[in-house]
Amino acid sequence: MLYELPDGPEIHVVGPDDEAVWTALGVAAGDRRAVIIGAPAAPGQATVIVGTVADFAAWLDPVTGRIPAAQPTGGVGDEPTVVGVDADPPPVAELVTLPHTGIQVPDPTLRVSSLRQLPTPDGVAYTATLRQGRTPVGTIHNEGNGGATNYSPVAGSPFGPRELAAFVAASRTADGQPISDENLLEDWVTEFEHDKEVTAAVRLGRSPLRLRSPLSVVDTFYDEHFDDVYFTARHLTAAKVNTAADRAALTAELLRIPIEAGQWWQLWTGQQWEDLTPPPSRQPGSRQ
């Protein structure tokens, strides 16, 4: 069923401190807002949508995740304050860049802590545990048949579908573009896999390496439109790189290894991946 917001009556946003409106509605405000389509002076005769900021963010534009700033309308009999689409948005959370995928997220404490994989005729099925700090909040899973990657919160999870939607809306890709929920879930898994490779290499006293590649090079399913979407095609380790001379020698050795056009090697420096061999001129995307 299609429902378009009408030109009239006006739409108002009521904050939790407008006791008269909430009393007329017969419900407790808590930390919720009320979107009133009609007259705030007679909410019983209007269409009223009630929810928290996170509730509204989960249902509105997944790209911006923003809602109009809530403002009290005053008393029931007072002239209402109309909040239009040009109202100032709430402050945007500071984003943190994750080291292996480059995606930008508002909370780096959300991470995958374990991963179980099972090969299938069509790919690899997996289930990953997602934690917020030390608390398990849900699982990320893919059936390995070419279908979507999904998230299932545990019972009583503080990170449910609404929180995930708000998190996705606030996050960005490596080149600052909006990210989809599925790509975010898969990048969380990729962060875990890369961290595992890096940790194992460092424990052995070696330097981690990875070969970056456009999707179109390694899989005929992807065409030239995926030339600017990259993933890690290979992991290697090398003798510990301590000096500029070590780095130059390693680079010379890697340049002798045949690779496809568009591929390049990177070195883990302890905090980030740095290019060892020349990358393509444009590399905005990062998938794995």
C-alpha atoms as a PDB file:
ATOM      1  CA  MET A   1       0.000   0.000   0.000  1.00  0.00           C
ATOM      2  CA  LEU A   2       1.388   3.395  -1.022  1.00  0.00           C
ATOM      3  CA  TYR A   3       1.027   6.262   1.444  1.00  0.00           C
ATOM      4  CA  GLU A   4       2.459   9.645   0.523  1.00  0.00           C
ATOM      5  CA  LEU A   5       2.904  12.386   3.092  1.00  0.00           C
ATOM      6  CA  PRO A   6       0.185  14.979   2.429  1.00  0.00           C
ATOM      7  CA  ASP A   7       0.659  18.682   1.682  1.00  0.00           C
ATOM      8  CA  GLY A   8      -1.652  19.365   4.598  1.00  0.00           C
ATOM      9  CA  PRO A   9      -2.226  19.213   7.461  1.00  0.00           C
ATOM     10  CA  GLU A  10       1.228  20.171   8.662  1.00  0.00           C
ATOM     11  CA  ILE A  11       3.629  17.656  10.173  1.00  0.00           C
ATOM     12  CA  HIS A  12       5.014  18.360  13.636  1.00  0.00           C
ATOM     13  CA  VAL A  13       7.666  16.665  15.762  1.00  0.00           C
ATOM     14  CA  VAL A  14       7.032  16.630  19.508  1.00  0.00           C
ATOM     15  CA  GLY A  15       9.818  16.060  22.014  1.00  0.00           C
ATOM     16  CA  PRO A  16       9.564  13.968  25.201  1.00  0.00           C
ATOM     17  CA  ASP A  17       9.248  17.083  27.374  1.00  0.00           C
ATOM     18  CA  ASP A  18       5.863  18.170  25.948  1.00  0.00           C
ATOM     19  CA  GLU A  19       3.815  16.659  28.772  1.00  0.00           C
ATOM     20  CA  ALA A  20       0.464  17.994  27.526  1.00  0.00           C
ATOM     21  CA  VAL A  21       0.683  16.162  24.204  1.00  0.00           C
ATOM     22  CA  TRP A  22       1.861  12.894  25.757  1.00  0.00           C
ATOM     23  CA  THR A  23      -0.897  13.108  28.366  1.00  0.00           C
ATOM     24  CA  ALA A  24      -3.441  13.607  25.600  1.00  0.00           C
ATOM     25  CA  LEU A  25      -2.003  10.587  23.802  1.00  0.00           C
ATOM     26  CA  GLY A  26      -2.293   8.532  26.979  1.00  0.00           C
ATOM     27  CA  VAL A  27       1.243   7.120  26.835  1.00  0.00           C
ATOM     28  CA  ALA A  28       4.541   7.832  28.598  1.00  0.00           C
ATOM     29  CA  ALA A  29       7.129   9.642  26.501  1.00  0.00           C
ATOM     30  CA  GLY A  30      10.316   8.080  27.853  1.00  0.00           C
ATOM     31  CA  ASP A  31      13.016   9.066  25.362  1.00  0.00           C
ATOM     32  CA  ARG A  32      10.635   8.920  22.400  1.00  0.00           C
ATOM     33  CA  ARG A  33       9.439  11.520  19.915  1.00  0.00           C
ATOM     34  CA  ALA A  34       6.000  11.824  18.337  1.00  0.00           C
ATOM     35  CA  VAL A  35       5.531  12.708  14.669  1.00  0.00           C
ATOM     36  CA  ILE A  36       2.047  14.244  14.425  1.00  0.00           C
ATOM     37  CA  ILE A  37       0.330  14.525  11.045  1.00  0.00           C
ATOM     38  CA  GLY A  38      -2.362  16.999  11.986  1.00  0.00           C
ATOM     39  CA  ALA A  39      -2.905  19.434  14.832  1.00  0.00           C
ATOM     40  CA  PRO A  40      -0.814  18.896  17.990  1.00  0.00           C
ATOM     41  CA  ALA A  41      -3.656  20.515  19.931  1.00  0.00           C
ATOM     42  CA  ALA A  42      -5.848  17.523  19.086  1.00  0.00           C
ATOM     43  CA  PRO A  43      -3.514  14.510  18.816  1.00  0.00           C
ATOM     44  CA  GLY A  44      -6.430  12.139  19.294  1.00  0.00           C
ATOM     45  CA  GLN A  45      -7.742  13.225  15.892  1.00  0.00           C
ATOM     46  CA  ALA A  46      -4.374  13.154  14.115  1.00  0.00           C
ATOM     47  CA  THR A  47      -2.112  10.453  12.768  1.00  0.00           C
ATOM     48  CA  VAL A  48       0.677   9.986  15.319  1.00  0.00           C
ATOM     49  CA  ILE A  49       3.894   7.970  14.903  1.00  0.00           C
ATOM     50  CA  VAL A  50       5.848   7.368  18.116  1.00  0.00           C
ATOM     51  CA  GLY A  51       9.426   6.105  18.435  1.00  0.00           C
ATOM     52  CA  THR A  52      12.984   6.798  19.529  1.00  0.00           C
ATOM     53  CA  VAL A  53      15.529   8.520  17.318  1.00  0.00           C
ATOM     54  CA  ALA A  54      17.007   5.091  16.517  1.00  0.00           C
ATOM     55  CA  ASP A  55      13.528   3.817  15.579  1.00  0.00           C
ATOM     56  CA  PHE A  56      13.064   6.599  13.050  1.00  0.00           C
ATOM     57  CA  ALA A  57      16.618   6.271  11.720  1.00  0.00           C
ATOM     58  CA  ALA A  58      15.979   2.588  11.002  1.00  0.00           C
ATOM     59  CA  TRP A  59      13.009   3.438   8.783  1.00  0.00           C
ATOM     60  CA  LEU A  60      14.206   6.599   7.046  1.00  0.00           C
ATOM     61  CA  ASP A  61      16.850   7.112   4.385  1.00  0.00           C
ATOM     62  CA  PRO A  62      19.558   4.426   4.901  1.00  0.00           C
ATOM     63  CA  VAL A  63      22.108   6.722   3.253  1.00  0.00           C
ATOM     64  CA  THR A  64      21.826   9.608   5.703  1.00  0.00           C
ATOM     65  CA  GLY A  65      20.014   8.043   8.649  1.00  0.00           C
ATOM     66  CA  ARG A  66      18.919  11.530   9.702  1.00  0.00           C
ATOM     67  CA  ILE A  67      15.599  12.788  10.996  1.00  0.00           C
ATOM     68  CA  PRO A  68      14.426  16.361  11.582  1.00  0.00           C
ATOM     69  CA  ALA A  69      15.488  17.761  14.935  1.00  0.00           C
ATOM     70  CA  ALA A  70      12.718  17.259  17.494  1.00  0.00           C
ATOM     71  CA  GLN A  71      11.393  20.434  19.090  1.00  0.00           C
ATOM     72  CA  PRO A  72       8.642  20.850  21.684  1.00  0.00           C
ATOM     73  CA  THR A  73       5.419  22.464  20.425  1.00  0.00           C
ATOM     74  CA  GLY A  74       4.625  24.174  23.729  1.00  0.00           C
ATOM     75  CA  GLY A  75       1.262  23.713  25.363  1.00  0.00           C
ATOM     76  CA  VAL A  76      -1.599  21.955  23.627  1.00  0.00           C
ATOM     77  CA  GLY A  77      -3.334  25.272  22.954  1.00  0.00           C
ATOM     78  CA  ASP A  78      -0.197  27.141  21.881  1.00  0.00           C
ATOM     79  CA  GLU A  79       0.910  27.863  18.343  1.00  0.00           C
ATOM     80  CA  PRO A  80       2.842  24.753  17.249  1.00  0.00           C
ATOM     81  CA  THR A  81       6.447  24.791  16.102  1.00  0.00           C
ATOM     82  CA  VAL A  82       6.675  23.257  12.641  1.00  0.00           C
ATOM     83  CA  VAL A  83       9.850  21.282  12.008  1.00  0.00           C
ATOM     84  CA  GLY A  84      10.521  20.971   8.291  1.00  0.00           C
ATOM     85  CA  VAL A  85      12.947  18.923   6.283  1.00  0.00           C
ATOM     86  CA  ASP A  86      15.474  21.777   6.402  1.00  0.00           C
ATOM     87  CA  ALA A  87      15.903  21.528  10.185  1.00  0.00           C
ATOM     88  CA  ASP A  88      19.478  21.114  11.347  1.00  0.00           C
ATOM     89  CA  PRO A  89      20.429  17.409  11.512  1.00  0.00           C
ATOM     90  CA  PRO A  90      21.816  15.902  14.698  1.00  0.00           C
ATOM     91  CA  PRO A  91      25.608  15.889  15.033  1.00  0.00           C
ATOM     92  CA  VAL A  92      27.322  13.144  13.055  1.00  0.00           C
ATOM     93  CA  ALA A  93      29.279  10.611  15.094  1.00  0.00           C
ATOM     94  CA  GLU A  94      33.054  10.621  14.650  1.00  0.00           C
ATOM     95  CA  LEU A  95      34.047   7.653  12.517  1.00  0.00           C
ATOM     96  CA  VAL A  96      36.965   5.272  13.076  1.00  0.00           C
ATOM     97  CA  THR A  97      38.726   3.620  10.118  1.00  0.00           C
ATOM     98  CA  LEU A  98      39.171  -0.148  10.436  1.00  0.00           C
ATOM     99  CA  PRO A  99      42.713  -1.164   9.433  1.00  0.00           C
ATOM    100  CA  HIS A 100      42.196  -4.045   7.003  1.00  0.00           C
ATOM    101  CA  THR A 101      39.137  -3.013   4.975  1.00  0.00           C
ATOM    102  CA  GLY A 102      39.337   0.752   5.387  1.00  0.00           C
ATOM    103  CA  ILE A 103      35.635   1.074   6.179  1.00  0.00           C
ATOM    104  CA  GLN A 104      34.670   3.848   8.598  1.00  0.00           C
ATOM    105  CA  VAL A 105      32.426   3.011  11.559  1.00  0.00           C
ATOM    106  CA  PRO A 106      31.098   4.897  14.595  1.00  0.00           C
ATOM    107  CA  ASP A 107      31.984   2.154  17.096  1.00  0.00           C
ATOM    108  CA  PRO A 108      35.132   0.025  16.616  1.00  0.00           C
ATOM    109  CA  THR A 109      34.251  -2.160  19.621  1.00  0.00           C
ATOM    110  CA  LEU A 110      31.789  -4.043  17.402  1.00  0.00           C
ATOM    111  CA  ARG A 111      33.855  -6.836  15.894  1.00  0.00           C
ATOM    112  CA  VAL A 112      33.819 -10.496  14.901  1.00  0.00           C
ATOM    113  CA  SER A 113      35.415 -12.710  17.551  1.00  0.00           C
ATOM    114  CA  SER A 114      35.102 -16.166  15.959  1.00  0.00           C
ATOM    115  CA  LEU A 115      34.398 -17.672  12.551  1.00  0.00           C
ATOM    116  CA  ARG A 116      33.233 -21.134  11.485  1.00  0.00           C
ATOM    117  CA  GLN A 117      33.378 -22.051   7.789  1.00  0.00           C
ATOM    118  CA  LEU A 118      32.071 -24.984   5.738  1.00  0.00           C
ATOM    119  CA  PRO A 119      32.838 -25.476   2.010  1.00  0.00           C
ATOM    120  CA  THR A 120      29.773 -26.015  -0.198  1.00  0.00           C
ATOM    121  CA  PRO A 121      29.422 -26.867  -3.911  1.00  0.00           C
ATOM    122  CA  ASP A 122      28.697 -23.182  -4.585  1.00  0.00           C
ATOM    123  CA  GLY A 123      31.076 -21.453  -2.195  1.00  0.00           C
ATOM    124  CA  VAL A 124      31.759 -21.293   1.532  1.00  0.00           C
ATOM    125  CA  ALA A 125      29.080 -21.186   4.211  1.00  0.00           C
ATOM    126  CA  TYR A 126      30.032 -19.449   7.424  1.00  0.00           C
ATOM    127  CA  THR A 127      28.804 -18.288  10.796  1.00  0.00           C
ATOM    128  CA  ALA A 128      30.610 -15.539  12.701  1.00  0.00           C
ATOM    129  CA  THR A 129      30.068 -14.280  16.243  1.00  0.00           C
ATOM    130  CA  LEU A 130      29.703 -10.509  16.551  1.00  0.00           C
ATOM    131  CA  ARG A 131      30.650  -8.898  19.867  1.00  0.00           C
ATOM    132  CA  GLN A 132      30.350  -5.398  21.256  1.00  0.00           C
ATOM    133  CA  GLY A 133      33.367  -5.249  23.500  1.00  0.00           C
ATOM    134  CA  ARG A 134      33.228  -8.548  25.377  1.00  0.00           C
ATOM    135  CA  THR A 135      29.480  -9.039  24.958  1.00  0.00           C
ATOM    136  CA  PRO A 136      28.184 -11.393  22.208  1.00  0.00           C
ATOM    137  CA  VAL A 137      25.379  -9.530  20.425  1.00  0.00           C
ATOM    138  CA  GLY A 138      24.576 -11.757  17.433  1.00  0.00           C
ATOM    139  CA  THR A 139      25.794 -13.862  14.521  1.00  0.00           C
ATOM    140  CA  ILE A 140      26.659 -13.070  10.912  1.00  0.00           C
ATOM    141  CA  HIS A 141      25.890 -15.933   8.557  1.00  0.00           C
ATOM    142  CA  ASN A 142      25.938 -16.882   4.891  1.00  0.00           C
ATOM    143  CA  GLU A 143      24.630 -20.156   3.443  1.00  0.00           C
ATOM    144  CA  GLY A 144      27.427 -20.385   0.861  1.00  0.00           C
ATOM    145  CA  ASN A 145      25.060 -20.698  -2.102  1.00  0.00           C
ATOM    146  CA  GLY A 146      25.474 -17.230  -3.552  1.00  0.00           C
ATOM    147  CA  GLY A 147      22.797 -15.724  -1.346  1.00  0.00           C
ATOM    148  CA  ALA A 148      22.863 -12.758   0.986  1.00  0.00           C
ATOM    149  CA  THR A 149      24.874 -12.366   4.172  1.00  0.00           C
ATOM    150  CA  ASN A 150      22.558 -11.819   7.150  1.00  0.00           C
ATOM    151  CA  TYR A 151      22.665 -10.839  10.810  1.00  0.00           C
ATOM    152  CA  SER A 152      20.737 -12.493  13.655  1.00  0.00           C
ATOM    153  CA  PRO A 153      20.852 -10.894  17.126  1.00  0.00           C
ATOM    154  CA  VAL A 154      20.966 -13.103  20.204  1.00  0.00           C
ATOM    155  CA  ALA A 155      18.056 -12.999  22.650  1.00  0.00           C
ATOM    156  CA  GLY A 156      18.055  -9.704  24.529  1.00  0.00           C
ATOM    157  CA  SER A 157      20.808  -8.265  22.335  1.00  0.00           C
ATOM    158  CA  PRO A 158      21.554  -4.537  22.695  1.00  0.00           C
ATOM    159  CA  PHE A 159      22.403  -4.574  18.971  1.00  0.00           C
ATOM    160  CA  GLY A 160      19.260  -5.562  17.121  1.00  0.00           C
ATOM    161  CA  PRO A 161      17.921  -4.760  13.636  1.00  0.00           C
ATOM    162  CA  ARG A 162      17.212  -1.120  14.479  1.00  0.00           C
ATOM    163  CA  GLU A 163      20.662  -0.572  15.959  1.00  0.00           C
ATOM    164  CA  LEU A 164      22.232  -2.275  12.932  1.00  0.00           C
ATOM    165  CA  ALA A 165      20.270  -0.020  10.557  1.00  0.00           C
ATOM    166  CA  ALA A 166      21.405   3.093  12.429  1.00  0.00           C
ATOM    167  CA  PHE A 167      25.008   1.794  12.487  1.00  0.00           C
ATOM    168  CA  VAL A 168      24.941   1.141   8.729  1.00  0.00           C
ATOM    169  CA  ALA A 169      23.519   4.618   8.082  1.00  0.00           C
ATOM    170  CA  ALA A 170      26.401   6.190  10.025  1.00  0.00           C
ATOM    171  CA  SER A 171      29.165   4.046   8.466  1.00  0.00           C
ATOM    172  CA  ARG A 172      31.047   4.654   5.221  1.00  0.00           C
ATOM    173  CA  THR A 173      33.122   2.704   2.717  1.00  0.00           C
ATOM    174  CA  ALA A 174      36.882   3.166   2.392  1.00  0.00           C
ATOM    175  CA  ASP A 175      36.319   6.049  -0.032  1.00  0.00           C
ATOM    176  CA  GLY A 176      33.666   7.744   2.092  1.00  0.00           C
ATOM    177  CA  GLN A 177      30.544   6.493   0.325  1.00  0.00           C
ATOM    178  CA  PRO A 178      27.433   5.033   2.023  1.00  0.00           C
ATOM    179  CA  ILE A 179      27.760   1.330   2.759  1.00  0.00           C
ATOM    180  CA  SER A 180      25.131  -1.411   2.555  1.00  0.00           C
ATOM    181  CA  ASP A 181      24.289  -3.608   5.520  1.00  0.00           C
ATOM    182  CA  GLU A 182      25.517  -6.718   3.700  1.00  0.00           C
ATOM    183  CA  ASN A 183      28.866  -5.153   2.801  1.00  0.00           C
ATOM    184  CA  LEU A 184      29.317  -3.991   6.394  1.00  0.00           C
ATOM    185  CA  LEU A 185      28.639  -7.500   7.713  1.00  0.00           C
ATOM    186  CA  GLU A 186      31.075  -9.043   5.233  1.00  0.00           C
ATOM    187  CA  ASP A 187      33.742  -6.450   6.018  1.00  0.00           C
ATOM    188  CA  TRP A 188      33.466  -7.275   9.728  1.00  0.00           C
ATOM    189  CA  VAL A 189      34.244 -10.895   8.812  1.00  0.00           C
ATOM    190  CA  THR A 190      37.119  -9.767   6.586  1.00  0.00           C
ATOM    191  CA  GLU A 191      38.584  -7.704   9.434  1.00  0.00           C
ATOM    192  CA  PHE A 192      38.626 -10.837  11.603  1.00  0.00           C
ATOM    193  CA  GLU A 193      40.255 -12.962   8.882  1.00  0.00           C
ATOM    194  CA  HIS A 194      42.972 -10.397   8.175  1.00  0.00           C
ATOM    195  CA  ASP A 195      43.644  -9.826  11.857  1.00  0.00           C
ATOM    196  CA  LYS A 196      44.103 -13.574  12.284  1.00  0.00           C
ATOM    197  CA  GLU A 197      46.650 -13.680   9.426  1.00  0.00           C
ATOM    198  CA  VAL A 198      48.529 -10.665  10.781  1.00  0.00           C
ATOM    199  CA  THR A 199      48.607 -11.986  14.347  1.00  0.00           C
ATOM    200  CA  ALA A 200      49.959 -15.380  13.234  1.00  0.00           C
ATOM    201  CA  ALA A 201      52.733 -13.781  11.166  1.00  0.00           C
ATOM    202  CA  VAL A 202      53.772 -11.378  13.915  1.00  0.00           C
ATOM    203  CA  ARG A 203      53.964 -14.214  16.451  1.00  0.00           C
ATOM    204  CA  LEU A 204      56.452 -15.938  14.145  1.00  0.00           C
ATOM    205  CA  GLY A 205      58.529 -12.764  13.932  1.00  0.00           C
ATOM    206  CA  ARG A 206      57.673 -12.202  10.267  1.00  0.00           C
ATOM    207  CA  SER A 207      56.145  -9.345   8.284  1.00  0.00           C
ATOM    208  CA  PRO A 208      52.642  -9.896   6.841  1.00  0.00           C
ATOM    209  CA  LEU A 209      52.061  -9.259   3.133  1.00  0.00           C
ATOM    210  CA  ARG A 210      48.905  -9.241   1.054  1.00  0.00           C
ATOM    211  CA  LEU A 211      48.208  -9.147  -2.677  1.00  0.00           C
ATOM    212  CA  ARG A 212      45.401  -6.769  -3.610  1.00  0.00           C
ATOM    213  CA  SER A 213      43.399  -7.454  -6.749  1.00  0.00           C
ATOM    214  CA  PRO A 214      40.368  -6.130  -8.627  1.00  0.00           C
ATOM    215  CA  LEU A 215      37.468  -8.577  -8.593  1.00  0.00           C
ATOM    216  CA  SER A 216      37.341  -8.613 -12.389  1.00  0.00           C
ATOM    217  CA  VAL A 217      40.843 -10.134 -12.614  1.00  0.00           C
ATOM    218  CA  VAL A 218      40.196 -13.317 -10.652  1.00  0.00           C
ATOM    219  CA  ASP A 219      36.545 -14.154 -11.344  1.00  0.00           C
ATOM    220  CA  THR A 220      34.841 -14.107 -14.741  1.00  0.00           C
ATOM    221  CA  PHE A 221      31.517 -13.503 -12.976  1.00  0.00           C
ATOM    222  CA  TYR A 222      32.650  -9.897 -12.521  1.00  0.00           C
ATOM    223  CA  ASP A 223      33.127  -7.645 -15.561  1.00  0.00           C
ATOM    224  CA  GLU A 224      35.105  -4.453 -16.091  1.00  0.00           C
ATOM    225  CA  HIS A 225      32.603  -2.521 -13.963  1.00  0.00           C
ATOM    226  CA  PHE A 226      34.280  -4.162 -10.953  1.00  0.00           C
ATOM    227  CA  ASP A 227      37.784  -3.004 -11.899  1.00  0.00           C
ATOM    228  CA  ASP A 228      37.675  -0.472  -9.050  1.00  0.00           C
ATOM    229  CA  VAL A 229      36.485  -2.972  -6.417  1.00  0.00           C
ATOM    230  CA  TYR A 230      39.382  -4.715  -4.700  1.00  0.00           C
ATOM    231  CA  PHE A 231      39.925  -7.696  -2.445  1.00  0.00           C
ATOM    232  CA  THR A 232      42.863  -9.625  -0.992  1.00  0.00           C
ATOM    233  CA  ALA A 233      43.755 -12.432  -3.380  1.00  0.00           C
ATOM    234  CA  ARG A 234      46.692 -13.834  -1.390  1.00  0.00           C
ATOM    235  CA  HIS A 235      48.452 -13.651   1.973  1.00  0.00           C
ATOM    236  CA  LEU A 236      52.201 -14.167   2.409  1.00  0.00           C
ATOM    237  CA  THR A 237      54.819 -13.501   5.055  1.00  0.00           C
ATOM    238  CA  ALA A 238      58.395 -12.306   4.684  1.00  0.00           C
ATOM    239  CA  ALA A 239      61.461 -11.999   6.871  1.00  0.00           C
ATOM    240  CA  LYS A 240      60.932  -9.172   9.336  1.00  0.00           C
ATOM    241  CA  VAL A 241      61.245  -5.787   7.657  1.00  0.00           C
ATOM    242  CA  ASN A 242      63.180  -3.506  10.011  1.00  0.00           C
ATOM    243  CA  THR A 243      64.996  -1.036   7.764  1.00  0.00           C
ATOM    244  CA  ALA A 244      64.570   0.834   4.510  1.00  0.00           C
ATOM    245  CA  ALA A 245      67.092  -1.568   2.975  1.00  0.00           C
ATOM    246  CA  ASP A 246      64.965  -4.543   4.072  1.00  0.00           C
ATOM    247  CA  ARG A 247      61.948  -2.929   2.468  1.00  0.00           C
ATOM    248  CA  ALA A 248      63.760  -2.193  -0.790  1.00  0.00           C
ATOM    249  CA  ALA A 249      65.056  -5.770  -1.009  1.00  0.00           C
ATOM    250  CA  LEU A 250      61.582  -7.190  -0.361  1.00  0.00           C
ATOM    251  CA  THR A 251      60.043  -4.909  -2.974  1.00  0.00           C
ATOM    252  CA  ALA A 252      62.596  -6.028  -5.561  1.00  0.00           C
ATOM    253  CA  GLU A 253      61.841  -9.669  -4.749  1.00  0.00           C
ATOM    254  CA  LEU A 254      58.084  -9.162  -5.071  1.00  0.00           C
ATOM    255  CA  LEU A 255      58.476  -7.405  -8.415  1.00  0.00           C
ATOM    256  CA  ARG A 256      59.930 -10.648  -9.772  1.00  0.00           C
ATOM    257  CA  ILE A 257      56.739 -12.565  -8.913  1.00  0.00           C
ATOM    258  CA  PRO A 258      54.325 -12.644 -11.883  1.00  0.00           C
ATOM    259  CA  ILE A 259      50.971 -11.043 -11.034  1.00  0.00           C
ATOM    260  CA  GLU A 260      47.999  -9.870 -13.065  1.00  0.00           C
ATOM    261  CA  ALA A 261      47.532  -6.316 -14.278  1.00  0.00           C
ATOM    262  CA  GLY A 262      45.881  -4.236 -11.571  1.00  0.00           C
ATOM    263  CA  GLN A 263      47.299  -6.303  -8.696  1.00  0.00           C
ATOM    264  CA  TRP A 264      49.823  -5.004  -6.185  1.00  0.00           C
ATOM    265  CA  TRP A 265      51.543  -5.990  -2.925  1.00  0.00           C
ATOM    266  CA  GLN A 266      51.108  -4.350   0.471  1.00  0.00           C
ATOM    267  CA  LEU A 267      53.119  -4.618   3.712  1.00  0.00           C
ATOM    268  CA  TRP A 268      51.638  -4.516   7.219  1.00  0.00           C
ATOM    269  CA  THR A 269      53.599  -1.962   9.253  1.00  0.00           C
ATOM    270  CA  GLY A 270      51.981  -2.660  12.610  1.00  0.00           C
ATOM    271  CA  GLN A 271      49.232  -0.062  12.264  1.00  0.00           C
ATOM    272  CA  GLN A 272      48.251  -0.079   8.601  1.00  0.00           C
ATOM    273  CA  TRP A 273      48.861  -1.590   5.162  1.00  0.00           C
ATOM    274  CA  GLU A 274      51.341   0.270   2.943  1.00  0.00           C
ATOM    275  CA  ASP A 275      51.953  -0.246  -0.773  1.00  0.00           C
ATOM    276  CA  LEU A 276      55.165  -2.059  -1.685  1.00  0.00           C
ATOM    277  CA  THR A 277      54.586  -2.258  -5.431  1.00  0.00           C
ATOM    278  CA  PRO A 278      52.732   0.330  -7.529  1.00  0.00           C
ATOM    279  CA  PRO A 279      48.937   0.181  -7.178  1.00  0.00           C
ATOM    280  CA  PRO A 280      46.460   1.096  -9.930  1.00  0.00           C
ATOM    281  CA  SER A 281      45.881   4.807 -10.403  1.00  0.00           C
ATOM    282  CA  ARG A 282      42.375   4.580  -8.884  1.00  0.00           C
ATOM    283  CA  GLN A 283      41.412   2.240  -6.061  1.00  0.00           C
ATOM    284  CA  PRO A 284      38.300   3.528  -4.256  1.00  0.00           C
ATOM    285  CA  GLY A 285      36.664   0.239  -3.377  1.00  0.00           C
ATOM    286  CA  SER A 286      37.616  -2.432  -0.864  1.00  0.00           C
ATOM    287  CA  ARG A 287      35.721  -5.657  -0.359  1.00  0.00           C
ATOM    288  CA  GLN A 288      38.055  -8.137   1.340  1.00  0.00           C
END
